[in-house]
N, C-alpha and C. Protein backbone atom coordinates (compact mmCIF):
# COMPACT_ATOMS: atom_id res chain seq x y z
N MET A 1 0.85 -1.19 0.00
CA MET A 1 0.00 0.00 0.00
C MET A 1 0.89 1.25 0.00
N ASN A 2 0.68 2.15 -0.97
CA ASN A 2 1.49 3.35 -1.07
C ASN A 2 1.08 4.39 -0.04
N GLU A 3 2.06 4.96 0.62
CA GLU A 3 1.78 6.03 1.57
C GLU A 3 1.55 7.33 0.82
N ALA A 4 0.61 8.14 1.34
CA ALA A 4 0.33 9.43 0.72
C ALA A 4 1.55 10.34 0.88
N LYS A 5 1.88 11.03 -0.20
CA LYS A 5 3.01 11.95 -0.13
C LYS A 5 2.63 13.21 0.63
N PRO A 6 3.56 13.76 1.41
CA PRO A 6 3.24 15.00 2.12
C PRO A 6 3.02 16.14 1.14
N PRO A 7 2.23 17.14 1.49
CA PRO A 7 1.99 18.26 0.58
C PRO A 7 3.27 19.05 0.32
N VAL A 8 3.34 19.63 -0.87
CA VAL A 8 4.49 20.47 -1.22
C VAL A 8 4.41 21.81 -0.50
N LEU A 9 3.19 22.32 -0.32
CA LEU A 9 2.98 23.63 0.29
C LEU A 9 1.86 23.57 1.30
N VAL A 10 2.11 24.14 2.47
CA VAL A 10 1.09 24.25 3.52
C VAL A 10 1.12 25.66 4.09
N LEU A 11 -0.04 26.32 4.13
CA LEU A 11 -0.20 27.61 4.81
C LEU A 11 -1.27 27.44 5.88
N ARG A 12 -0.97 27.89 7.08
CA ARG A 12 -1.92 27.82 8.18
C ARG A 12 -2.01 29.17 8.87
N ALA A 13 -3.20 29.80 8.78
CA ALA A 13 -3.51 31.05 9.48
C ALA A 13 -2.45 32.13 9.23
N VAL A 14 -2.03 32.26 7.99
CA VAL A 14 -0.97 33.20 7.63
C VAL A 14 -1.51 34.62 7.56
N GLY A 15 -0.78 35.57 8.15
CA GLY A 15 -1.17 36.97 8.11
C GLY A 15 0.02 37.88 7.88
N LYS A 16 -0.25 39.04 7.30
CA LYS A 16 0.79 40.03 7.02
C LYS A 16 0.20 41.42 7.10
N ALA A 17 0.96 42.33 7.73
CA ALA A 17 0.54 43.73 7.82
C ALA A 17 1.72 44.63 7.49
N TYR A 18 1.40 45.82 6.97
CA TYR A 18 2.41 46.84 6.69
C TYR A 18 2.01 48.12 7.42
N ALA A 19 2.92 48.61 8.26
CA ALA A 19 2.67 49.85 9.01
C ALA A 19 1.31 49.81 9.69
N GLY A 20 1.00 48.66 10.26
CA GLY A 20 -0.25 48.53 11.00
C GLY A 20 -1.47 48.23 10.15
N ARG A 21 -1.33 48.24 8.82
CA ARG A 21 -2.47 47.96 7.95
C ARG A 21 -2.42 46.49 7.52
N ARG A 22 -3.45 45.74 7.91
CA ARG A 22 -3.48 44.32 7.61
C ARG A 22 -3.76 44.10 6.13
N VAL A 23 -2.87 43.33 5.49
CA VAL A 23 -3.02 43.01 4.07
C VAL A 23 -3.58 41.60 3.89
N LEU A 24 -3.04 40.65 4.65
CA LEU A 24 -3.49 39.27 4.58
C LEU A 24 -3.80 38.78 5.99
N ALA A 25 -4.84 37.96 6.12
CA ALA A 25 -5.19 37.43 7.43
C ALA A 25 -5.86 36.07 7.28
N GLY A 26 -5.46 35.13 8.14
CA GLY A 26 -6.12 33.83 8.19
C GLY A 26 -6.05 33.03 6.91
N ILE A 27 -4.92 33.08 6.21
CA ILE A 27 -4.78 32.38 4.93
C ILE A 27 -4.41 30.92 5.16
N ASP A 28 -5.27 30.02 4.69
CA ASP A 28 -5.03 28.58 4.77
C ASP A 28 -5.00 28.00 3.36
N LEU A 29 -4.03 27.15 3.10
CA LEU A 29 -3.92 26.52 1.78
C LEU A 29 -3.04 25.29 1.89
N GLU A 30 -3.38 24.27 1.12
CA GLU A 30 -2.55 23.07 1.04
C GLU A 30 -2.49 22.64 -0.42
N LEU A 31 -1.28 22.33 -0.88
CA LEU A 31 -1.07 22.03 -2.29
C LEU A 31 -0.17 20.82 -2.41
N ALA A 32 -0.62 19.83 -3.18
CA ALA A 32 0.14 18.60 -3.36
C ALA A 32 0.86 18.60 -4.71
N ALA A 33 1.81 17.70 -4.86
CA ALA A 33 2.52 17.55 -6.13
C ALA A 33 1.52 17.27 -7.25
N GLY A 34 1.70 17.96 -8.38
CA GLY A 34 0.82 17.78 -9.52
C GLY A 34 -0.41 18.66 -9.52
N GLU A 35 -0.65 19.38 -8.43
CA GLU A 35 -1.80 20.27 -8.38
C GLU A 35 -1.43 21.66 -8.89
N TYR A 36 -2.33 22.25 -9.64
CA TYR A 36 -2.11 23.55 -10.26
C TYR A 36 -3.32 24.42 -9.96
N ILE A 37 -3.12 25.48 -9.21
CA ILE A 37 -4.23 26.33 -8.80
C ILE A 37 -4.01 27.76 -9.28
N ALA A 38 -5.10 28.51 -9.36
CA ALA A 38 -5.03 29.94 -9.67
C ALA A 38 -5.53 30.72 -8.47
N VAL A 39 -4.91 31.87 -8.23
CA VAL A 39 -5.36 32.80 -7.20
C VAL A 39 -5.72 34.11 -7.89
N THR A 40 -6.98 34.52 -7.72
CA THR A 40 -7.46 35.76 -8.31
C THR A 40 -7.89 36.71 -7.20
N GLY A 41 -8.24 37.91 -7.60
CA GLY A 41 -8.69 38.92 -6.64
C GLY A 41 -8.47 40.31 -7.19
N ASP A 42 -9.04 41.28 -6.53
CA ASP A 42 -8.93 42.67 -6.98
C ASP A 42 -7.47 43.14 -6.95
N SER A 43 -7.16 44.13 -7.76
CA SER A 43 -5.83 44.74 -7.73
C SER A 43 -5.55 45.31 -6.35
N GLY A 44 -4.32 45.07 -5.85
CA GLY A 44 -3.94 45.59 -4.55
C GLY A 44 -4.44 44.80 -3.36
N ILE A 45 -5.07 43.66 -3.60
CA ILE A 45 -5.63 42.88 -2.51
C ILE A 45 -4.58 42.07 -1.77
N GLY A 46 -3.39 41.86 -2.41
CA GLY A 46 -2.32 41.13 -1.73
C GLY A 46 -1.88 39.86 -2.41
N LYS A 47 -2.23 39.69 -3.70
CA LYS A 47 -1.87 38.45 -4.40
C LYS A 47 -0.36 38.29 -4.52
N SER A 48 0.33 39.35 -4.92
CA SER A 48 1.79 39.27 -5.04
C SER A 48 2.44 39.15 -3.66
N THR A 49 1.86 39.79 -2.67
CA THR A 49 2.38 39.64 -1.30
C THR A 49 2.29 38.18 -0.86
N LEU A 50 1.19 37.53 -1.20
CA LEU A 50 1.03 36.12 -0.85
C LEU A 50 2.13 35.27 -1.48
N LEU A 51 2.43 35.52 -2.75
CA LEU A 51 3.52 34.79 -3.39
C LEU A 51 4.86 35.08 -2.73
N ASN A 52 5.09 36.34 -2.38
CA ASN A 52 6.35 36.72 -1.73
C ASN A 52 6.51 36.00 -0.38
N LEU A 53 5.42 35.83 0.34
CA LEU A 53 5.49 35.11 1.62
C LEU A 53 5.80 33.63 1.39
N ILE A 54 5.14 33.04 0.40
CA ILE A 54 5.38 31.63 0.09
C ILE A 54 6.83 31.41 -0.32
N ALA A 55 7.38 32.38 -1.07
CA ALA A 55 8.76 32.28 -1.55
C ALA A 55 9.79 32.64 -0.49
N GLY A 56 9.34 33.12 0.66
CA GLY A 56 10.27 33.53 1.70
C GLY A 56 10.97 34.84 1.41
N LEU A 57 10.45 35.60 0.43
CA LEU A 57 11.02 36.91 0.13
C LEU A 57 10.59 37.94 1.16
N GLU A 58 9.46 37.68 1.80
CA GLU A 58 9.00 38.46 2.94
C GLU A 58 8.60 37.48 4.03
N ARG A 59 8.63 37.95 5.26
CA ARG A 59 8.28 37.10 6.39
C ARG A 59 6.83 37.36 6.81
N ALA A 60 6.09 36.28 7.03
CA ALA A 60 4.74 36.42 7.55
C ALA A 60 4.78 36.91 8.99
N ASP A 61 3.80 37.71 9.37
CA ASP A 61 3.69 38.17 10.75
C ASP A 61 3.00 37.15 11.64
N GLU A 62 2.16 36.33 11.04
CA GLU A 62 1.40 35.33 11.77
C GLU A 62 1.34 34.04 10.96
N GLY A 63 1.13 32.95 11.67
CA GLY A 63 0.87 31.68 11.01
C GLY A 63 2.13 30.92 10.63
N ARG A 64 1.92 29.91 9.80
CA ARG A 64 2.97 28.95 9.47
C ARG A 64 2.94 28.64 7.97
N ILE A 65 4.11 28.66 7.35
CA ILE A 65 4.25 28.31 5.94
C ILE A 65 5.30 27.20 5.83
N GLU A 66 4.94 26.11 5.18
CA GLU A 66 5.87 25.02 4.92
C GLU A 66 6.01 24.83 3.41
N VAL A 67 7.24 24.73 2.94
CA VAL A 67 7.52 24.44 1.54
C VAL A 67 8.44 23.23 1.50
N ASP A 68 7.99 22.18 0.83
CA ASP A 68 8.78 20.96 0.71
C ASP A 68 9.25 20.46 2.07
N GLY A 69 8.34 20.55 3.04
CA GLY A 69 8.62 20.03 4.38
C GLY A 69 9.41 20.94 5.28
N GLN A 70 9.80 22.12 4.81
CA GLN A 70 10.58 23.05 5.61
C GLN A 70 9.71 24.23 6.07
N VAL A 71 9.79 24.54 7.35
CA VAL A 71 9.00 25.63 7.93
C VAL A 71 9.77 26.93 7.73
N LEU A 72 9.20 27.87 6.99
CA LEU A 72 9.96 29.04 6.58
C LEU A 72 10.45 29.89 7.74
N HIS A 73 9.61 30.07 8.77
CA HIS A 73 10.05 30.96 9.84
C HIS A 73 11.16 30.35 10.70
N GLU A 74 11.46 29.08 10.48
CA GLU A 74 12.56 28.44 11.20
C GLU A 74 13.88 28.54 10.43
N LEU A 75 13.85 29.10 9.22
CA LEU A 75 15.04 29.17 8.37
C LEU A 75 15.66 30.56 8.41
N ASP A 76 17.00 30.62 8.41
CA ASP A 76 17.65 31.92 8.29
C ASP A 76 17.71 32.32 6.81
N ASP A 77 18.26 33.49 6.52
CA ASP A 77 18.25 34.00 5.16
C ASP A 77 19.00 33.09 4.19
N ASP A 78 20.12 32.53 4.64
CA ASP A 78 20.89 31.64 3.77
C ASP A 78 20.11 30.37 3.44
N ALA A 79 19.44 29.82 4.44
CA ALA A 79 18.64 28.61 4.22
C ALA A 79 17.45 28.89 3.32
N LEU A 80 16.84 30.06 3.48
CA LEU A 80 15.73 30.45 2.59
C LEU A 80 16.20 30.58 1.15
N THR A 81 17.39 31.17 0.98
CA THR A 81 17.94 31.31 -0.37
C THR A 81 18.16 29.94 -0.99
N ARG A 82 18.69 29.00 -0.22
CA ARG A 82 18.92 27.65 -0.75
C ARG A 82 17.60 26.98 -1.12
N LEU A 83 16.59 27.15 -0.28
CA LEU A 83 15.28 26.55 -0.55
C LEU A 83 14.69 27.11 -1.84
N ARG A 84 14.76 28.43 -2.01
CA ARG A 84 14.26 29.03 -3.25
C ARG A 84 15.03 28.51 -4.46
N ARG A 85 16.33 28.43 -4.31
CA ARG A 85 17.20 28.04 -5.42
C ARG A 85 16.96 26.59 -5.84
N GLU A 86 16.73 25.73 -4.85
CA GLU A 86 16.64 24.30 -5.13
C GLU A 86 15.21 23.82 -5.39
N SER A 87 14.24 24.41 -4.71
CA SER A 87 12.89 23.83 -4.71
C SER A 87 11.83 24.68 -5.39
N MET A 88 12.16 25.91 -5.79
CA MET A 88 11.15 26.79 -6.37
C MET A 88 11.55 27.27 -7.75
N GLY A 89 10.53 27.53 -8.57
CA GLY A 89 10.72 28.16 -9.86
C GLY A 89 9.79 29.34 -9.97
N PHE A 90 10.23 30.41 -10.63
CA PHE A 90 9.47 31.65 -10.68
C PHE A 90 9.27 32.10 -12.13
N VAL A 91 8.04 32.53 -12.44
CA VAL A 91 7.74 33.13 -13.73
C VAL A 91 7.03 34.46 -13.45
N PHE A 92 7.60 35.55 -13.97
CA PHE A 92 7.07 36.88 -13.69
C PHE A 92 6.51 37.51 -14.96
N GLN A 93 5.67 38.53 -14.77
CA GLN A 93 5.12 39.26 -15.90
C GLN A 93 6.22 39.93 -16.73
N ALA A 94 7.27 40.41 -16.06
CA ALA A 94 8.30 41.20 -16.73
C ALA A 94 9.48 40.37 -17.25
N PHE A 95 9.34 39.04 -17.28
CA PHE A 95 10.33 38.12 -17.85
C PHE A 95 11.62 38.02 -17.02
N HIS A 96 12.29 39.17 -16.77
CA HIS A 96 13.54 39.20 -15.99
C HIS A 96 14.64 38.35 -16.61
N LEU A 97 14.74 38.35 -17.92
CA LEU A 97 15.88 37.71 -18.57
C LEU A 97 17.09 38.64 -18.49
N LEU A 98 18.28 38.07 -18.34
CA LEU A 98 19.50 38.88 -18.29
C LEU A 98 19.91 39.21 -19.73
N PRO A 99 19.97 40.50 -20.08
CA PRO A 99 20.14 40.89 -21.50
C PRO A 99 21.48 40.52 -22.09
N TYR A 100 22.50 40.30 -21.25
CA TYR A 100 23.85 40.01 -21.75
C TYR A 100 24.12 38.51 -21.84
N LEU A 101 23.12 37.69 -21.55
CA LEU A 101 23.26 36.24 -21.68
C LEU A 101 22.38 35.75 -22.80
N SER A 102 22.82 34.70 -23.48
CA SER A 102 22.01 34.10 -24.53
C SER A 102 20.79 33.40 -23.93
N VAL A 103 19.89 32.98 -24.80
CA VAL A 103 18.72 32.23 -24.36
C VAL A 103 19.13 31.00 -23.55
N ALA A 104 20.05 30.21 -24.07
CA ALA A 104 20.49 29.00 -23.37
C ALA A 104 21.14 29.33 -22.03
N GLN A 105 21.93 30.39 -21.99
CA GLN A 105 22.58 30.79 -20.74
C GLN A 105 21.58 31.27 -19.71
N ASN A 106 20.55 31.97 -20.15
CA ASN A 106 19.49 32.39 -19.23
C ASN A 106 18.78 31.18 -18.63
N VAL A 107 18.46 30.21 -19.48
CA VAL A 107 17.77 29.02 -18.99
C VAL A 107 18.64 28.23 -18.02
N ALA A 108 19.95 28.23 -18.25
CA ALA A 108 20.88 27.45 -17.43
C ALA A 108 21.17 28.08 -16.07
N LEU A 109 20.73 29.30 -15.84
CA LEU A 109 21.09 30.00 -14.59
C LEU A 109 20.77 29.21 -13.33
N PRO A 110 19.57 28.63 -13.18
CA PRO A 110 19.31 27.87 -11.96
C PRO A 110 20.26 26.70 -11.77
N LEU A 111 20.67 26.06 -12.86
CA LEU A 111 21.64 24.97 -12.75
C LEU A 111 22.98 25.50 -12.26
N LEU A 112 23.40 26.64 -12.80
CA LEU A 112 24.65 27.26 -12.38
C LEU A 112 24.61 27.62 -10.90
N LEU A 113 23.51 28.22 -10.48
CA LEU A 113 23.38 28.64 -9.08
C LEU A 113 23.31 27.46 -8.12
N ASN A 114 22.84 26.32 -8.63
CA ASN A 114 22.76 25.12 -7.79
C ASN A 114 24.02 24.26 -7.87
N GLY A 115 25.05 24.77 -8.54
CA GLY A 115 26.33 24.07 -8.56
C GLY A 115 26.41 22.90 -9.51
N VAL A 116 25.49 22.82 -10.48
CA VAL A 116 25.54 21.74 -11.47
C VAL A 116 26.70 22.03 -12.44
N PRO A 117 27.59 21.08 -12.67
CA PRO A 117 28.73 21.32 -13.57
C PRO A 117 28.27 21.73 -14.97
N HIS A 118 29.04 22.58 -15.63
CA HIS A 118 28.68 23.11 -16.94
C HIS A 118 28.41 22.01 -17.96
N GLU A 119 29.17 20.93 -17.87
CA GLU A 119 29.01 19.87 -18.87
C GLU A 119 27.66 19.16 -18.74
N ARG A 120 26.95 19.40 -17.65
CA ARG A 120 25.62 18.80 -17.46
C ARG A 120 24.49 19.78 -17.72
N HIS A 121 24.81 20.95 -18.27
CA HIS A 121 23.78 21.96 -18.53
C HIS A 121 23.04 21.71 -19.84
N GLU A 122 23.77 21.32 -20.87
CA GLU A 122 23.20 21.34 -22.23
C GLU A 122 21.96 20.47 -22.37
N ALA A 123 22.00 19.26 -21.84
CA ALA A 123 20.88 18.33 -22.05
C ALA A 123 19.58 18.87 -21.45
N PRO A 124 19.54 19.25 -20.17
CA PRO A 124 18.27 19.76 -19.63
C PRO A 124 17.85 21.08 -20.25
N VAL A 125 18.82 21.95 -20.57
CA VAL A 125 18.48 23.24 -21.18
C VAL A 125 17.84 23.02 -22.54
N MET A 126 18.43 22.18 -23.36
CA MET A 126 17.89 21.96 -24.70
C MET A 126 16.57 21.19 -24.65
N GLU A 127 16.43 20.32 -23.67
CA GLU A 127 15.14 19.62 -23.53
C GLU A 127 14.03 20.63 -23.26
N LEU A 128 14.26 21.55 -22.31
CA LEU A 128 13.23 22.54 -21.97
C LEU A 128 12.99 23.50 -23.12
N LEU A 129 14.05 23.95 -23.78
CA LEU A 129 13.86 24.84 -24.92
C LEU A 129 13.08 24.14 -26.03
N GLY A 130 13.32 22.85 -26.20
CA GLY A 130 12.54 22.10 -27.17
C GLY A 130 11.07 22.04 -26.79
N ARG A 131 10.79 21.85 -25.51
CA ARG A 131 9.41 21.75 -25.05
C ARG A 131 8.65 23.06 -25.21
N VAL A 132 9.37 24.19 -25.11
CA VAL A 132 8.69 25.48 -25.29
C VAL A 132 8.83 26.00 -26.72
N GLY A 133 9.36 25.15 -27.62
CA GLY A 133 9.43 25.49 -29.03
C GLY A 133 10.50 26.48 -29.41
N LEU A 134 11.59 26.53 -28.65
CA LEU A 134 12.62 27.53 -28.91
C LEU A 134 14.02 26.94 -29.00
N ALA A 135 14.14 25.67 -29.32
CA ALA A 135 15.46 25.05 -29.40
C ALA A 135 16.34 25.75 -30.42
N GLU A 136 15.74 26.23 -31.51
CA GLU A 136 16.53 26.88 -32.55
C GLU A 136 16.98 28.29 -32.16
N ARG A 137 16.47 28.80 -31.04
CA ARG A 137 16.84 30.15 -30.59
C ARG A 137 17.83 30.10 -29.42
N ALA A 138 18.44 28.97 -29.17
CA ALA A 138 19.31 28.80 -28.00
C ALA A 138 20.42 29.83 -27.93
N ARG A 139 20.97 30.21 -29.10
CA ARG A 139 22.09 31.15 -29.10
C ARG A 139 21.65 32.60 -29.30
N SER A 140 20.35 32.82 -29.44
CA SER A 140 19.84 34.18 -29.61
C SER A 140 19.98 34.96 -28.31
N MET A 141 19.95 36.28 -28.43
CA MET A 141 19.96 37.16 -27.27
C MET A 141 18.54 37.63 -26.99
N PRO A 142 18.23 37.96 -25.74
CA PRO A 142 16.85 38.34 -25.40
C PRO A 142 16.27 39.45 -26.28
N HIS A 143 17.08 40.44 -26.68
CA HIS A 143 16.53 41.54 -27.45
C HIS A 143 16.10 41.10 -28.86
N GLU A 144 16.48 39.90 -29.25
CA GLU A 144 16.10 39.38 -30.56
C GLU A 144 14.77 38.61 -30.51
N LEU A 145 14.18 38.49 -29.34
CA LEU A 145 12.97 37.69 -29.16
C LEU A 145 11.73 38.57 -29.04
N SER A 146 10.58 37.99 -29.37
CA SER A 146 9.30 38.64 -29.11
C SER A 146 8.94 38.47 -27.63
N GLY A 147 7.91 39.18 -27.21
CA GLY A 147 7.47 39.05 -25.82
C GLY A 147 7.05 37.63 -25.48
N GLY A 148 6.33 36.99 -26.39
CA GLY A 148 5.91 35.61 -26.14
C GLY A 148 7.08 34.66 -26.05
N GLU A 149 8.09 34.88 -26.89
CA GLU A 149 9.28 34.04 -26.84
C GLU A 149 10.05 34.25 -25.54
N MET A 150 10.17 35.50 -25.11
CA MET A 150 10.87 35.77 -23.85
C MET A 150 10.17 35.10 -22.68
N GLN A 151 8.83 35.12 -22.67
CA GLN A 151 8.12 34.49 -21.57
C GLN A 151 8.29 32.97 -21.60
N ARG A 152 8.39 32.39 -22.79
CA ARG A 152 8.63 30.95 -22.88
C ARG A 152 10.04 30.60 -22.41
N VAL A 153 11.00 31.47 -22.67
CA VAL A 153 12.35 31.27 -22.13
C VAL A 153 12.31 31.34 -20.60
N ALA A 154 11.57 32.31 -20.07
CA ALA A 154 11.45 32.44 -18.62
C ALA A 154 10.81 31.20 -18.00
N LEU A 155 9.85 30.61 -18.70
CA LEU A 155 9.22 29.39 -18.21
C LEU A 155 10.22 28.23 -18.22
N ALA A 156 10.99 28.11 -19.29
CA ALA A 156 12.02 27.06 -19.34
C ALA A 156 13.02 27.23 -18.21
N ARG A 157 13.44 28.47 -17.94
CA ARG A 157 14.37 28.73 -16.85
C ARG A 157 13.77 28.33 -15.51
N ALA A 158 12.48 28.58 -15.32
CA ALA A 158 11.83 28.26 -14.04
C ALA A 158 11.73 26.76 -13.81
N LEU A 159 11.78 25.97 -14.88
CA LEU A 159 11.56 24.53 -14.76
C LEU A 159 12.83 23.69 -14.86
N VAL A 160 13.94 24.27 -15.31
CA VAL A 160 15.10 23.48 -15.72
C VAL A 160 15.72 22.69 -14.56
N HIS A 161 15.59 23.17 -13.34
CA HIS A 161 16.20 22.48 -12.20
C HIS A 161 15.22 21.57 -11.47
N GLY A 162 14.03 21.35 -12.07
CA GLY A 162 13.07 20.44 -11.47
C GLY A 162 12.51 20.90 -10.14
N PRO A 163 11.97 22.13 -10.06
CA PRO A 163 11.47 22.64 -8.78
C PRO A 163 10.25 21.87 -8.29
N LYS A 164 10.09 21.82 -6.98
CA LYS A 164 8.90 21.21 -6.40
C LYS A 164 7.70 22.15 -6.49
N LEU A 165 7.97 23.47 -6.50
CA LEU A 165 6.91 24.46 -6.47
C LEU A 165 7.17 25.52 -7.53
N LEU A 166 6.17 25.75 -8.40
CA LEU A 166 6.27 26.76 -9.45
C LEU A 166 5.33 27.91 -9.12
N LEU A 167 5.87 29.13 -9.07
CA LEU A 167 5.10 30.32 -8.74
C LEU A 167 5.09 31.24 -9.95
N ALA A 168 3.89 31.58 -10.44
CA ALA A 168 3.76 32.43 -11.63
C ALA A 168 2.92 33.65 -11.27
N ASP A 169 3.52 34.83 -11.38
CA ASP A 169 2.85 36.08 -11.00
C ASP A 169 2.48 36.86 -12.25
N GLU A 170 1.21 36.83 -12.62
CA GLU A 170 0.69 37.52 -13.82
C GLU A 170 1.59 37.27 -15.04
N PRO A 171 1.89 36.02 -15.36
CA PRO A 171 2.89 35.75 -16.40
C PRO A 171 2.45 36.12 -17.81
N THR A 172 1.15 36.35 -18.01
CA THR A 172 0.68 36.67 -19.36
C THR A 172 0.23 38.13 -19.49
N GLY A 173 0.52 38.95 -18.49
CA GLY A 173 0.05 40.32 -18.50
C GLY A 173 0.56 41.17 -19.64
N ASN A 174 1.75 40.83 -20.15
CA ASN A 174 2.35 41.61 -21.25
C ASN A 174 2.21 40.94 -22.61
N LEU A 175 1.40 39.90 -22.70
CA LEU A 175 1.33 39.11 -23.92
C LEU A 175 0.00 39.29 -24.64
N ASP A 176 0.04 39.11 -25.96
CA ASP A 176 -1.20 39.12 -26.73
C ASP A 176 -1.95 37.81 -26.48
N PRO A 177 -3.24 37.74 -26.85
CA PRO A 177 -4.04 36.55 -26.51
C PRO A 177 -3.46 35.23 -27.00
N ASP A 178 -2.90 35.20 -28.21
CA ASP A 178 -2.36 33.94 -28.73
C ASP A 178 -1.15 33.47 -27.94
N ASN A 179 -0.22 34.40 -27.67
CA ASN A 179 0.96 34.04 -26.88
C ASN A 179 0.57 33.70 -25.44
N ALA A 180 -0.40 34.43 -24.89
CA ALA A 180 -0.86 34.15 -23.53
C ALA A 180 -1.42 32.73 -23.43
N ALA A 181 -2.23 32.36 -24.41
CA ALA A 181 -2.81 31.01 -24.39
C ALA A 181 -1.73 29.94 -24.47
N GLN A 182 -0.71 30.19 -25.26
CA GLN A 182 0.38 29.22 -25.41
C GLN A 182 1.16 29.08 -24.09
N VAL A 183 1.47 30.21 -23.45
CA VAL A 183 2.21 30.17 -22.19
C VAL A 183 1.39 29.49 -21.10
N LEU A 184 0.09 29.78 -21.04
CA LEU A 184 -0.77 29.16 -20.03
C LEU A 184 -0.85 27.65 -20.23
N ALA A 185 -0.94 27.21 -21.47
CA ALA A 185 -0.97 25.78 -21.74
C ALA A 185 0.35 25.12 -21.33
N LEU A 186 1.46 25.79 -21.59
CA LEU A 186 2.77 25.27 -21.22
C LEU A 186 2.92 25.21 -19.70
N LEU A 187 2.43 26.22 -19.00
CA LEU A 187 2.51 26.22 -17.54
C LEU A 187 1.79 25.00 -16.97
N ARG A 188 0.56 24.80 -17.41
CA ARG A 188 -0.21 23.69 -16.88
C ARG A 188 0.44 22.35 -17.24
N GLU A 189 0.80 22.21 -18.51
CA GLU A 189 1.42 20.97 -18.97
C GLU A 189 2.70 20.67 -18.19
N SER A 190 3.50 21.71 -17.93
CA SER A 190 4.78 21.51 -17.25
C SER A 190 4.58 21.09 -15.80
N VAL A 191 3.62 21.69 -15.13
CA VAL A 191 3.32 21.30 -13.75
C VAL A 191 2.90 19.84 -13.69
N LYS A 192 2.01 19.46 -14.60
CA LYS A 192 1.48 18.10 -14.59
C LYS A 192 2.56 17.08 -14.97
N ALA A 193 3.33 17.40 -16.02
CA ALA A 193 4.31 16.43 -16.53
C ALA A 193 5.44 16.21 -15.53
N ARG A 194 5.79 17.25 -14.78
CA ARG A 194 6.94 17.15 -13.88
C ARG A 194 6.54 16.90 -12.42
N GLY A 195 5.24 16.79 -12.16
CA GLY A 195 4.80 16.50 -10.80
C GLY A 195 5.12 17.59 -9.82
N ALA A 196 5.17 18.83 -10.31
CA ALA A 196 5.38 19.97 -9.42
C ALA A 196 4.03 20.42 -8.87
N ALA A 197 4.05 21.32 -7.91
CA ALA A 197 2.86 22.03 -7.49
C ALA A 197 2.96 23.43 -8.08
N GLY A 198 1.85 23.97 -8.57
CA GLY A 198 1.91 25.26 -9.26
C GLY A 198 0.86 26.22 -8.77
N ILE A 199 1.25 27.50 -8.66
CA ILE A 199 0.32 28.58 -8.31
C ILE A 199 0.42 29.66 -9.37
N LEU A 200 -0.70 29.96 -9.98
CA LEU A 200 -0.80 31.04 -10.95
C LEU A 200 -1.58 32.18 -10.32
N VAL A 201 -0.93 33.33 -10.14
CA VAL A 201 -1.62 34.53 -9.67
C VAL A 201 -2.00 35.35 -10.89
N THR A 202 -3.28 35.67 -11.01
CA THR A 202 -3.75 36.36 -12.21
C THR A 202 -5.03 37.13 -11.93
N HIS A 203 -5.26 38.19 -12.69
CA HIS A 203 -6.53 38.90 -12.65
C HIS A 203 -7.44 38.44 -13.78
N SER A 204 -6.91 37.58 -14.66
CA SER A 204 -7.62 37.15 -15.86
C SER A 204 -8.46 35.90 -15.58
N ARG A 205 -9.75 35.98 -15.85
CA ARG A 205 -10.61 34.81 -15.69
C ARG A 205 -10.23 33.71 -16.67
N THR A 206 -9.84 34.12 -17.88
CA THR A 206 -9.43 33.15 -18.89
C THR A 206 -8.21 32.37 -18.42
N ALA A 207 -7.22 33.09 -17.88
CA ALA A 207 -6.02 32.43 -17.37
C ALA A 207 -6.36 31.52 -16.20
N ALA A 208 -7.17 32.02 -15.27
CA ALA A 208 -7.51 31.24 -14.08
C ALA A 208 -8.23 29.95 -14.44
N ALA A 209 -9.00 29.97 -15.52
CA ALA A 209 -9.78 28.81 -15.92
C ALA A 209 -8.92 27.63 -16.35
N THR A 210 -7.61 27.86 -16.59
CA THR A 210 -6.72 26.76 -16.98
C THR A 210 -6.25 25.95 -15.77
N ALA A 211 -6.53 26.42 -14.57
CA ALA A 211 -6.06 25.75 -13.35
C ALA A 211 -7.04 24.67 -12.90
N ASP A 212 -6.58 23.78 -12.02
CA ASP A 212 -7.44 22.75 -11.46
C ASP A 212 -8.51 23.35 -10.55
N ARG A 213 -8.09 24.34 -9.77
CA ARG A 213 -9.00 25.01 -8.85
C ARG A 213 -8.68 26.50 -8.87
N ILE A 214 -9.70 27.31 -8.57
CA ILE A 214 -9.53 28.76 -8.50
C ILE A 214 -9.85 29.21 -7.09
N TYR A 215 -8.92 29.99 -6.51
CA TYR A 215 -9.14 30.59 -5.20
C TYR A 215 -9.26 32.10 -5.37
N VAL A 216 -10.14 32.70 -4.59
CA VAL A 216 -10.34 34.15 -4.63
C VAL A 216 -9.81 34.74 -3.33
N LEU A 217 -8.88 35.69 -3.48
CA LEU A 217 -8.31 36.38 -2.33
C LEU A 217 -9.08 37.67 -2.10
N SER A 218 -9.53 37.88 -0.87
CA SER A 218 -10.25 39.09 -0.50
C SER A 218 -9.84 39.48 0.92
N ARG A 219 -10.41 40.56 1.41
CA ARG A 219 -10.11 40.99 2.78
C ARG A 219 -10.56 39.95 3.81
N ASP A 220 -11.44 39.06 3.38
CA ASP A 220 -11.94 38.02 4.29
C ASP A 220 -11.07 36.76 4.26
N GLY A 221 -10.04 36.75 3.41
CA GLY A 221 -9.16 35.59 3.35
C GLY A 221 -9.14 34.97 1.97
N LEU A 222 -8.78 33.70 1.91
CA LEU A 222 -8.65 32.95 0.65
C LEU A 222 -9.73 31.88 0.64
N ARG A 223 -10.60 31.94 -0.37
CA ARG A 223 -11.69 30.95 -0.44
C ARG A 223 -11.71 30.29 -1.81
N LEU A 224 -12.16 29.05 -1.82
CA LEU A 224 -12.25 28.29 -3.05
C LEU A 224 -13.47 28.77 -3.85
N GLN A 225 -13.25 29.07 -5.12
CA GLN A 225 -14.38 29.49 -5.98
C GLN A 225 -15.17 28.26 -6.40
N GLU A 226 -16.44 28.31 -6.21
CA GLU A 226 -17.29 27.16 -6.54
C GLU A 226 -17.80 27.25 -7.97
């Protein structure tokens, strides 16, 4: 009999305030490997703050966050950096590609940061570039790419080291509908194929509809959309 795997992400009664103004309160969430959810809500409600807390980029004021079995508030800054580097992948609206590195070099960055020898970079980098349809652009520079191509490179970079948790913050906000649809399909497919857990933060109903479940963030907390 197979034992149930522990969840990749657990949030219990998580809260955050800035200068006395409560932004998040009583946030509960559990996410298992292979699950892909969307978080929606009004602008300024705290969706990006929620991702920052999960990533350990900011500290929660209340509650408990566990990522891949590690309790974030028990980790120092160095340990948090290692956890992000090894277990998380990030896709942002603004791409954040390094302009002086080629497409392949940008994708290889997580491997480099995790100490993977250079001779072991090419195979996973080219596999991911192939999956996002950009193998022929491996030697191109970011300024030679369209917005949709840059976002697909960013997705490949987020996945190349096999993260347990994929965090995507409005990843299609700068894309036209066709490119947005392609990136959203790749996000979902990549989470499922690699057994990661994925969170898509978006204001778009169309984007949110690609997830397994949709959660709505409001001043009252995080609730499952029925």
